[in-house]
Amino acid sequence: GPAIACATSHVCDGVSGTVTLTTGTSPTTGTLATLDFPNTHTNQANCLVTTTLSGTGLVTTISWSESTTAVTLTANTAPSASTAYQIRYWCGGN
């Protein structure tokens, strides 16, 4: 499955961050990763998420949904195998 980690020289927390999501050898559609908030929100978070691929730019086949506890990244089409995507997120709300 995919591996996700905070990108080098970035801070990743419950408000914002930049993570690197590297797909496995046989990626499929569906949930790629869940970014859990350190504290539960009273209401659903309001998040903006961008996914980019070096040399390609914005990736629109990965979407997200937010809840009171996390942001979930979903592949709408199978992403490329063994590929590192950069995910930037910012979540507000309470």
PDB file of N, CA and C in Angstrom:
ATOM      1  N   GLY A   1       0.811  -1.187   0.000  1.00  0.00           N
ATOM      2  CA  GLY A   1       0.000   0.000   0.000  1.00  0.00           C
ATOM      3  C   GLY A   1       0.854   1.250   0.000  1.00  0.00           C
ATOM      4  N   PRO A   2       0.225   2.385  -0.055  1.00  0.00           N
ATOM      5  CA  PRO A   2       0.969   3.644  -0.075  1.00  0.00           C
ATOM      6  C   PRO A   2       1.594   3.970   1.276  1.00  0.00           C
ATOM      7  N   ALA A   3       2.663   4.720   1.227  1.00  0.00           N
ATOM      8  CA  ALA A   3       3.324   5.223   2.438  1.00  0.00           C
ATOM      9  C   ALA A   3       3.174   6.732   2.440  1.00  0.00           C
ATOM     10  N   ILE A   4       2.948   7.314   3.618  1.00  0.00           N
ATOM     11  CA  ILE A   4       2.784   8.757   3.716  1.00  0.00           C
ATOM     12  C   ILE A   4       3.647   9.271   4.859  1.00  0.00           C
ATOM     13  N   ALA A   5       4.324  10.404   4.616  1.00  0.00           N
ATOM     14  CA  ALA A   5       5.194  10.996   5.637  1.00  0.00           C
ATOM     15  C   ALA A   5       5.271  12.494   5.408  1.00  0.00           C
ATOM     16  N   CYS A   6       5.480  13.227   6.484  1.00  0.00           N
ATOM     17  CA  CYS A   6       5.660  14.663   6.380  1.00  0.00           C
ATOM     18  C   CYS A   6       6.877  14.931   5.489  1.00  0.00           C
ATOM     19  N   ALA A   7       6.740  15.863   4.558  1.00  0.00           N
ATOM     20  CA  ALA A   7       7.827  16.178   3.635  1.00  0.00           C
ATOM     21  C   ALA A   7       8.992  16.819   4.384  1.00  0.00           C
ATOM     22  N   THR A   8      10.188  16.562   3.925  1.00  0.00           N
ATOM     23  CA  THR A   8      11.400  17.114   4.516  1.00  0.00           C
ATOM     24  C   THR A   8      11.307  18.627   4.597  1.00  0.00           C
ATOM     25  N   SER A   9      11.716  19.192   5.717  1.00  0.00           N
ATOM     26  CA  SER A   9      11.739  20.640   5.969  1.00  0.00           C
ATOM     27  C   SER A   9      10.341  21.255   6.083  1.00  0.00           C
ATOM     28  N   HIS A  10       9.310  20.448   6.327  1.00  0.00           N
ATOM     29  CA  HIS A  10       7.950  20.942   6.514  1.00  0.00           C
ATOM     30  C   HIS A  10       7.458  20.532   7.896  1.00  0.00           C
ATOM     31  N   VAL A  11       6.460  21.242   8.378  1.00  0.00           N
ATOM     32  CA  VAL A  11       5.777  20.886   9.618  1.00  0.00           C
ATOM     33  C   VAL A  11       4.391  20.400   9.227  1.00  0.00           C
ATOM     34  N   CYS A  12       3.995  19.280   9.749  1.00  0.00           N
ATOM     35  CA  CYS A  12       2.675  18.719   9.474  1.00  0.00           C
ATOM     36  C   CYS A  12       1.930  18.603  10.800  1.00  0.00           C
ATOM     37  N   ASP A  13       0.777  19.269  10.886  1.00  0.00           N
ATOM     38  CA  ASP A  13       0.009  19.232  12.119  1.00  0.00           C
ATOM     39  C   ASP A  13      -1.473  19.173  11.789  1.00  0.00           C
ATOM     40  N   GLY A  14      -2.312  19.424  12.753  1.00  0.00           N
ATOM     41  CA  GLY A  14      -3.750  19.353  12.559  1.00  0.00           C
ATOM     42  C   GLY A  14      -4.333  20.494  11.767  1.00  0.00           C
ATOM     43  N   VAL A  15      -3.512  21.504  11.433  1.00  0.00           N
ATOM     44  CA  VAL A  15      -3.991  22.652  10.664  1.00  0.00           C
ATOM     45  C   VAL A  15      -3.477  22.607   9.236  1.00  0.00           C
ATOM     46  N   SER A  16      -2.203  22.349   9.059  1.00  0.00           N
ATOM     47  CA  SER A  16      -1.634  22.397   7.712  1.00  0.00           C
ATOM     48  C   SER A  16      -0.401  21.525   7.620  1.00  0.00           C
ATOM     49  N   GLY A  17       0.008  21.280   6.389  1.00  0.00           N
ATOM     50  CA  GLY A  17       1.226  20.520   6.186  1.00  0.00           C
ATOM     51  C   GLY A  17       1.440  20.157   4.731  1.00  0.00           C
ATOM     52  N   THR A  18       2.616  19.614   4.475  1.00  0.00           N
ATOM     53  CA  THR A  18       2.960  19.072   3.165  1.00  0.00           C
ATOM     54  C   THR A  18       3.497  17.672   3.406  1.00  0.00           C
ATOM     55  N   VAL A  19       2.835  16.689   2.822  1.00  0.00           N
ATOM     56  CA  VAL A  19       3.240  15.304   2.991  1.00  0.00           C
ATOM     57  C   VAL A  19       3.594  14.700   1.641  1.00  0.00           C
ATOM     58  N   THR A  20       4.420  13.686   1.693  1.00  0.00           N
ATOM     59  CA  THR A  20       4.735  12.911   0.495  1.00  0.00           C
ATOM     60  C   THR A  20       4.007  11.586   0.606  1.00  0.00           C
ATOM     61  N   LEU A  21       3.209  11.279  -0.408  1.00  0.00           N
ATOM     62  CA  LEU A  21       2.483  10.026  -0.468  1.00  0.00           C
ATOM     63  C   LEU A  21       3.110   9.218  -1.603  1.00  0.00           C
ATOM     64  N   THR A  22       3.721   8.092  -1.261  1.00  0.00           N
ATOM     65  CA  THR A  22       4.346   7.241  -2.268  1.00  0.00           C
ATOM     66  C   THR A  22       3.496   5.987  -2.428  1.00  0.00           C
ATOM     67  N   THR A  23       3.044   5.768  -3.658  1.00  0.00           N
ATOM     68  CA  THR A  23       2.184   4.619  -3.921  1.00  0.00           C
ATOM     69  C   THR A  23       2.996   3.328  -3.913  1.00  0.00           C
ATOM     70  N   GLY A  24       2.300   2.237  -3.724  1.00  0.00           N
ATOM     71  CA  GLY A  24       2.928   0.928  -3.751  1.00  0.00           C
ATOM     72  C   GLY A  24       3.073   0.426  -5.186  1.00  0.00           C
ATOM     73  N   THR A  25       3.329  -0.846  -5.332  1.00  0.00           N
ATOM     74  CA  THR A  25       3.584  -1.410  -6.659  1.00  0.00           C
ATOM     75  C   THR A  25       2.318  -1.718  -7.451  1.00  0.00           C
ATOM     76  N   SER A  26       1.182  -1.831  -6.774  1.00  0.00           N
ATOM     77  CA  SER A  26      -0.079  -2.129  -7.461  1.00  0.00           C
ATOM     78  C   SER A  26      -1.210  -1.267  -6.913  1.00  0.00           C
ATOM     79  N   PRO A  27      -1.135   0.064  -7.102  1.00  0.00           N
ATOM     80  CA  PRO A  27      -2.179   0.926  -6.541  1.00  0.00           C
ATOM     81  C   PRO A  27      -3.529   0.710  -7.230  1.00  0.00           C
ATOM     82  N   THR A  28      -4.580   0.911  -6.463  1.00  0.00           N
ATOM     83  CA  THR A  28      -5.938   0.773  -6.984  1.00  0.00           C
ATOM     84  C   THR A  28      -6.733   2.022  -6.614  1.00  0.00           C
ATOM     85  N   THR A  29      -7.989   2.033  -6.977  1.00  0.00           N
ATOM     86  CA  THR A  29      -8.855   3.135  -6.576  1.00  0.00           C
ATOM     87  C   THR A  29      -9.262   2.935  -5.123  1.00  0.00           C
ATOM     88  N   GLY A  30      -9.805   3.984  -4.529  1.00  0.00           N
ATOM     89  CA  GLY A  30     -10.252   3.905  -3.144  1.00  0.00           C
ATOM     90  C   GLY A  30      -9.365   4.709  -2.220  1.00  0.00           C
ATOM     91  N   THR A  31      -9.485   4.459  -0.937  1.00  0.00           N
ATOM     92  CA  THR A  31      -8.762   5.228   0.067  1.00  0.00           C
ATOM     93  C   THR A  31      -7.254   5.027  -0.069  1.00  0.00           C
ATOM     94  N   LEU A  32      -6.530   6.151  -0.170  1.00  0.00           N
ATOM     95  CA  LEU A  32      -5.066   6.115  -0.231  1.00  0.00           C
ATOM     96  C   LEU A  32      -4.453   6.315   1.143  1.00  0.00           C
ATOM     97  N   ALA A  33      -4.991   7.285   1.886  1.00  0.00           N
ATOM     98  CA  ALA A  33      -4.418   7.610   3.190  1.00  0.00           C
ATOM     99  C   ALA A  33      -5.422   8.425   3.990  1.00  0.00           C
ATOM    100  N   THR A  34      -5.235   8.412   5.304  1.00  0.00           N
ATOM    101  CA  THR A  34      -6.032   9.226   6.208  1.00  0.00           C
ATOM    102  C   THR A  34      -5.079  10.044   7.060  1.00  0.00           C
ATOM    103  N   LEU A  35      -5.269  11.352   7.067  1.00  0.00           N
ATOM    104  CA  LEU A  35      -4.477  12.261   7.895  1.00  0.00           C
ATOM    105  C   LEU A  35      -5.312  12.584   9.128  1.00  0.00           C
ATOM    106  N   ASP A  36      -4.971  11.991  10.253  1.00  0.00           N
ATOM    107  CA  ASP A  36      -5.724  12.190  11.493  1.00  0.00           C
ATOM    108  C   ASP A  36      -5.346  13.514  12.155  1.00  0.00           C
ATOM    109  N   PHE A  37      -6.354  14.218  12.668  1.00  0.00           N
ATOM    110  CA  PHE A  37      -6.116  15.434  13.431  1.00  0.00           C
ATOM    111  C   PHE A  37      -5.684  15.056  14.844  1.00  0.00           C
ATOM    112  N   PRO A  38      -4.813  15.851  15.460  1.00  0.00           N
ATOM    113  CA  PRO A  38      -4.403  15.536  16.830  1.00  0.00           C
ATOM    114  C   PRO A  38      -5.539  15.749  17.838  1.00  0.00           C
ATOM    115  N   ASN A  39      -6.490  16.606  17.496  1.00  0.00           N
ATOM    116  CA  ASN A  39      -7.641  16.875  18.364  1.00  0.00           C
ATOM    117  C   ASN A  39      -8.909  16.799  17.523  1.00  0.00           C
ATOM    118  N   THR A  40      -9.962  16.284  18.101  1.00  0.00           N
ATOM    119  CA  THR A  40     -11.237  16.195  17.395  1.00  0.00           C
ATOM    120  C   THR A  40     -11.868  17.576  17.301  1.00  0.00           C
ATOM    121  N   HIS A  41     -12.370  17.914  16.117  1.00  0.00           N
ATOM    122  CA  HIS A  41     -13.077  19.172  15.909  1.00  0.00           C
ATOM    123  C   HIS A  41     -14.515  19.027  16.404  1.00  0.00           C
ATOM    124  N   THR A  42     -15.125  20.123  16.793  1.00  0.00           N
ATOM    125  CA  THR A  42     -16.532  20.123  17.166  1.00  0.00           C
ATOM    126  C   THR A  42     -17.399  19.924  15.927  1.00  0.00           C
ATOM    127  N   ASN A  43     -16.996  20.560  14.826  1.00  0.00           N
ATOM    128  CA  ASN A  43     -17.699  20.466  13.546  1.00  0.00           C
ATOM    129  C   ASN A  43     -16.743  19.874  12.515  1.00  0.00           C
ATOM    130  N   GLN A  44     -17.285  19.482  11.364  1.00  0.00           N
ATOM    131  CA  GLN A  44     -16.415  18.984  10.301  1.00  0.00           C
ATOM    132  C   GLN A  44     -15.405  20.061   9.930  1.00  0.00           C
ATOM    133  N   ALA A  45     -14.180  19.651   9.687  1.00  0.00           N
ATOM    134  CA  ALA A  45     -13.136  20.585   9.289  1.00  0.00           C
ATOM    135  C   ALA A  45     -13.447  21.148   7.900  1.00  0.00           C
ATOM    136  N   ASN A  46     -12.926  22.326   7.622  1.00  0.00           N
ATOM    137  CA  ASN A  46     -13.011  22.936   6.301  1.00  0.00           C
ATOM    138  C   ASN A  46     -11.605  22.869   5.715  1.00  0.00           C
ATOM    139  N   CYS A  47     -11.386  21.978   4.759  1.00  0.00           N
ATOM    140  CA  CYS A  47     -10.035  21.735   4.264  1.00  0.00           C
ATOM    141  C   CYS A  47      -9.887  22.092   2.789  1.00  0.00           C
ATOM    142  N   LEU A  48      -8.696  22.521   2.447  1.00  0.00           N
ATOM    143  CA  LEU A  48      -8.255  22.676   1.062  1.00  0.00           C
ATOM    144  C   LEU A  48      -7.076  21.734   0.897  1.00  0.00           C
ATOM    145  N   VAL A  49      -7.107  20.936  -0.157  1.00  0.00           N
ATOM    146  CA  VAL A  49      -6.060  19.955  -0.394  1.00  0.00           C
ATOM    147  C   VAL A  49      -5.642  20.039  -1.850  1.00  0.00           C
ATOM    148  N   THR A  50      -4.332  20.053  -2.099  1.00  0.00           N
ATOM    149  CA  THR A  50      -3.830  19.970  -3.471  1.00  0.00           C
ATOM    150  C   THR A  50      -2.869  18.799  -3.566  1.00  0.00           C
ATOM    151  N   THR A  51      -2.949  18.118  -4.673  1.00  0.00           N
ATOM    152  CA  THR A  51      -2.056  16.994  -4.950  1.00  0.00           C
ATOM    153  C   THR A  51      -1.281  17.326  -6.213  1.00  0.00           C
ATOM    154  N   THR A  52       0.038  17.222  -6.134  1.00  0.00           N
ATOM    155  CA  THR A  52       0.876  17.493  -7.305  1.00  0.00           C
ATOM    156  C   THR A  52       1.850  16.343  -7.525  1.00  0.00           C
ATOM    157  N   LEU A  53       2.326  16.267  -8.740  1.00  0.00           N
ATOM    158  CA  LEU A  53       3.320  15.281  -9.137  1.00  0.00           C
ATOM    159  C   LEU A  53       4.429  16.038  -9.851  1.00  0.00           C
ATOM    160  N   SER A  54       5.650  15.870  -9.390  1.00  0.00           N
ATOM    161  CA  SER A  54       6.792  16.568  -9.971  1.00  0.00           C
ATOM    162  C   SER A  54       6.842  16.347 -11.486  1.00  0.00           C
ATOM    163  N   GLY A  55       6.984  17.411 -12.226  1.00  0.00           N
ATOM    164  CA  GLY A  55       7.074  17.335 -13.677  1.00  0.00           C
ATOM    165  C   GLY A  55       5.728  17.271 -14.378  1.00  0.00           C
ATOM    166  N   THR A  56       4.646  17.068 -13.621  1.00  0.00           N
ATOM    167  CA  THR A  56       3.313  16.952 -14.201  1.00  0.00           C
ATOM    168  C   THR A  56       2.411  18.088 -13.743  1.00  0.00           C
ATOM    169  N   GLY A  57       2.502  18.455 -12.476  1.00  0.00           N
ATOM    170  CA  GLY A  57       1.665  19.510 -11.920  1.00  0.00           C
ATOM    171  C   GLY A  57       0.501  18.949 -11.133  1.00  0.00           C
ATOM    172  N   LEU A  58      -0.607  19.658 -11.158  1.00  0.00           N
ATOM    173  CA  LEU A  58      -1.782  19.321 -10.359  1.00  0.00           C
ATOM    174  C   LEU A  58      -2.384  17.981 -10.779  1.00  0.00           C
ATOM    175  N   VAL A  59      -2.687  17.155  -9.796  1.00  0.00           N
ATOM    176  CA  VAL A  59      -3.318  15.854 -10.031  1.00  0.00           C
ATOM    177  C   VAL A  59      -4.766  15.972  -9.579  1.00  0.00           C
ATOM    178  N   THR A  60      -5.697  15.756 -10.499  1.00  0.00           N
ATOM    179  CA  THR A  60      -7.114  15.929 -10.166  1.00  0.00           C
ATOM    180  C   THR A  60      -7.831  14.602  -9.935  1.00  0.00           C
ATOM    181  N   THR A  61      -7.124  13.485 -10.029  1.00  0.00           N
ATOM    182  CA  THR A  61      -7.761  12.180  -9.847  1.00  0.00           C
ATOM    183  C   THR A  61      -7.721  11.706  -8.400  1.00  0.00           C
ATOM    184  N   ILE A  62      -7.128  12.523  -7.516  1.00  0.00           N
ATOM    185  CA  ILE A  62      -7.131  12.221  -6.085  1.00  0.00           C
ATOM    186  C   ILE A  62      -7.987  13.281  -5.403  1.00  0.00           C
ATOM    187  N   SER A  63      -9.031  12.829  -4.729  1.00  0.00           N
ATOM    188  CA  SER A  63      -9.928  13.761  -4.045  1.00  0.00           C
ATOM    189  C   SER A  63      -9.790  13.570  -2.545  1.00  0.00           C
ATOM    190  N   TRP A  64     -10.538  14.355  -1.783  1.00  0.00           N
ATOM    191  CA  TRP A  64     -10.474  14.251  -0.329  1.00  0.00           C
ATOM    192  C   TRP A  64     -11.844  14.487   0.269  1.00  0.00           C
ATOM    193  N   SER A  65     -11.988  14.015   1.491  1.00  0.00           N
ATOM    194  CA  SER A  65     -13.176  14.320   2.282  1.00  0.00           C
ATOM    195  C   SER A  65     -12.705  14.598   3.703  1.00  0.00           C
ATOM    196  N   GLU A  66     -13.438  15.447   4.398  1.00  0.00           N
ATOM    197  CA  GLU A  66     -13.045  15.796   5.750  1.00  0.00           C
ATOM    198  C   GLU A  66     -14.128  15.411   6.724  1.00  0.00           C
ATOM    199  N   SER A  67     -13.708  15.210   7.974  1.00  0.00           N
ATOM    200  CA  SER A  67     -14.636  14.879   9.057  1.00  0.00           C
ATOM    201  C   SER A  67     -14.204  15.676  10.289  1.00  0.00           C
ATOM    202  N   THR A  68     -14.689  15.306  11.443  1.00  0.00           N
ATOM    203  CA  THR A  68     -14.270  15.978  12.666  1.00  0.00           C
ATOM    204  C   THR A  68     -12.926  15.451  13.165  1.00  0.00           C
ATOM    205  N   THR A  69     -12.470  14.334  12.608  1.00  0.00           N
ATOM    206  CA  THR A  69     -11.244  13.702  13.106  1.00  0.00           C
ATOM    207  C   THR A  69     -10.116  13.559  12.093  1.00  0.00           C
ATOM    208  N   ALA A  70     -10.410  13.760  10.784  1.00  0.00           N
ATOM    209  CA  ALA A  70      -9.376  13.469   9.788  1.00  0.00           C
ATOM    210  C   ALA A  70      -9.729  14.005   8.406  1.00  0.00           C
ATOM    211  N   VAL A  71      -8.726  13.980   7.539  1.00  0.00           N
ATOM    212  CA  VAL A  71      -8.894  14.196   6.100  1.00  0.00           C
ATOM    213  C   VAL A  71      -8.545  12.870   5.441  1.00  0.00           C
ATOM    214  N   THR A  72      -9.426  12.385   4.579  1.00  0.00           N
ATOM    215  CA  THR A  72      -9.187  11.121   3.883  1.00  0.00           C
ATOM    216  C   THR A  72      -8.932  11.400   2.408  1.00  0.00           C
ATOM    217  N   LEU A  73      -7.836  10.858   1.883  1.00  0.00           N
ATOM    218  CA  LEU A  73      -7.470  11.005   0.473  1.00  0.00           C
ATOM    219  C   LEU A  73      -7.940   9.772  -0.285  1.00  0.00           C
ATOM    220  N   THR A  74      -8.598  10.004  -1.433  1.00  0.00           N
ATOM    221  CA  THR A  74      -9.174   8.921  -2.213  1.00  0.00           C
ATOM    222  C   THR A  74      -8.708   8.999  -3.660  1.00  0.00           C
ATOM    223  N   ALA A  75      -8.289   7.859  -4.204  1.00  0.00           N
ATOM    224  CA  ALA A  75      -7.917   7.773  -5.623  1.00  0.00           C
ATOM    225  C   ALA A  75      -9.180   7.445  -6.423  1.00  0.00           C
ATOM    226  N   ASN A  76      -9.543   8.343  -7.323  1.00  0.00           N
ATOM    227  CA  ASN A  76     -10.719   8.121  -8.168  1.00  0.00           C
ATOM    228  C   ASN A  76     -10.370   7.250  -9.369  1.00  0.00           C
ATOM    229  N   THR A  77      -9.121   7.278  -9.786  1.00  0.00           N
ATOM    230  CA  THR A  77      -8.563   6.343 -10.767  1.00  0.00           C
ATOM    231  C   THR A  77      -7.257   5.853 -10.164  1.00  0.00           C
ATOM    232  N   ALA A  78      -6.817   4.693 -10.557  1.00  0.00           N
ATOM    233  CA  ALA A  78      -5.598   4.130  -9.972  1.00  0.00           C
ATOM    234  C   ALA A  78      -4.400   5.027 -10.271  1.00  0.00           C
ATOM    235  N   PRO A  79      -3.679   5.466  -9.236  1.00  0.00           N
ATOM    236  CA  PRO A  79      -2.493   6.296  -9.468  1.00  0.00           C
ATOM    237  C   PRO A  79      -1.341   5.444 -10.011  1.00  0.00           C
ATOM    238  N   SER A  80      -0.325   6.110 -10.495  1.00  0.00           N
ATOM    239  CA  SER A  80       0.851   5.415 -11.016  1.00  0.00           C
ATOM    240  C   SER A  80       1.547   4.647  -9.900  1.00  0.00           C
ATOM    241  N   ALA A  81       2.111   3.503 -10.245  1.00  0.00           N
ATOM    242  CA  ALA A  81       2.796   2.654  -9.263  1.00  0.00           C
ATOM    243  C   ALA A  81       4.119   3.271  -8.834  1.00  0.00           C
ATOM    244  N   SER A  82       4.469   3.050  -7.577  1.00  0.00           N
ATOM    245  CA  SER A  82       5.758   3.473  -7.006  1.00  0.00           C
ATOM    246  C   SER A  82       6.094   4.929  -7.343  1.00  0.00           C
ATOM    247  N   THR A  83       5.128   5.802  -7.131  1.00  0.00           N
ATOM    248  CA  THR A  83       5.253   7.213  -7.481  1.00  0.00           C
ATOM    249  C   THR A  83       5.027   8.077  -6.254  1.00  0.00           C
ATOM    250  N   ALA A  84       5.847   9.117  -6.103  1.00  0.00           N
ATOM    251  CA  ALA A  84       5.734  10.038  -4.966  1.00  0.00           C
ATOM    252  C   ALA A  84       4.900  11.257  -5.357  1.00  0.00           C
ATOM    253  N   TYR A  85       3.787  11.429  -4.696  1.00  0.00           N
ATOM    254  CA  TYR A  85       2.909  12.583  -4.880  1.00  0.00           C
ATOM    255  C   TYR A  85       3.103  13.523  -3.700  1.00  0.00           C
ATOM    256  N   GLN A  86       2.997  14.822  -3.955  1.00  0.00           N
ATOM    257  CA  GLN A  86       3.078  15.794  -2.871  1.00  0.00           C
ATOM    258  C   GLN A  86       1.670  16.282  -2.566  1.00  0.00           C
ATOM    259  N   ILE A  87       1.280  16.177  -1.307  1.00  0.00           N
ATOM    260  CA  ILE A  87      -0.049  16.584  -0.844  1.00  0.00           C
ATOM    261  C   ILE A  87       0.127  17.770   0.095  1.00  0.00           C
ATOM    262  N   ARG A  88      -0.530  18.881  -0.227  1.00  0.00           N
ATOM    263  CA  ARG A  88      -0.541  20.044   0.670  1.00  0.00           C
ATOM    264  C   ARG A  88      -1.956  20.199   1.192  1.00  0.00           C
ATOM    265  N   TYR A  89      -2.071  20.405   2.506  1.00  0.00           N
ATOM    266  CA  TYR A  89      -3.399  20.562   3.093  1.00  0.00           C
ATOM    267  C   TYR A  89      -3.415  21.741   4.066  1.00  0.00           C
ATOM    268  N   TRP A  90      -4.585  22.340   4.179  1.00  0.00           N
ATOM    269  CA  TRP A  90      -4.856  23.370   5.168  1.00  0.00           C
ATOM    270  C   TRP A  90      -6.282  23.142   5.628  1.00  0.00           C
ATOM    271  N   CYS A  91      -6.474  22.986   6.930  1.00  0.00           N
ATOM    272  CA  CYS A  91      -7.797  22.716   7.497  1.00  0.00           C
ATOM    273  C   CYS A  91      -8.098  23.713   8.606  1.00  0.00           C
ATOM    274  N   GLY A  92      -9.238  24.359   8.488  1.00  0.00           N
ATOM    275  CA  GLY A  92      -9.688  25.293   9.512  1.00  0.00           C
ATOM    276  C   GLY A  92     -10.975  24.779  10.144  1.00  0.00           C
ATOM    277  N   GLY A  93     -11.545  25.583  10.970  1.00  0.00           N
ATOM    278  CA  GLY A  93     -12.782  25.214  11.648  1.00  0.00           C
ATOM    279  C   GLY A  93     -12.500  24.857  13.102  1.00  0.00           C
ATOM    280  N   ASN A  94     -13.552  24.503  13.789  1.00  0.00           N
ATOM    281  CA  ASN A  94     -13.407  24.100  15.189  1.00  0.00           C
ATOM    282  C   ASN A  94     -14.253  22.897  15.514  1.00  0.00           C
TER     283      ASN A  94
END
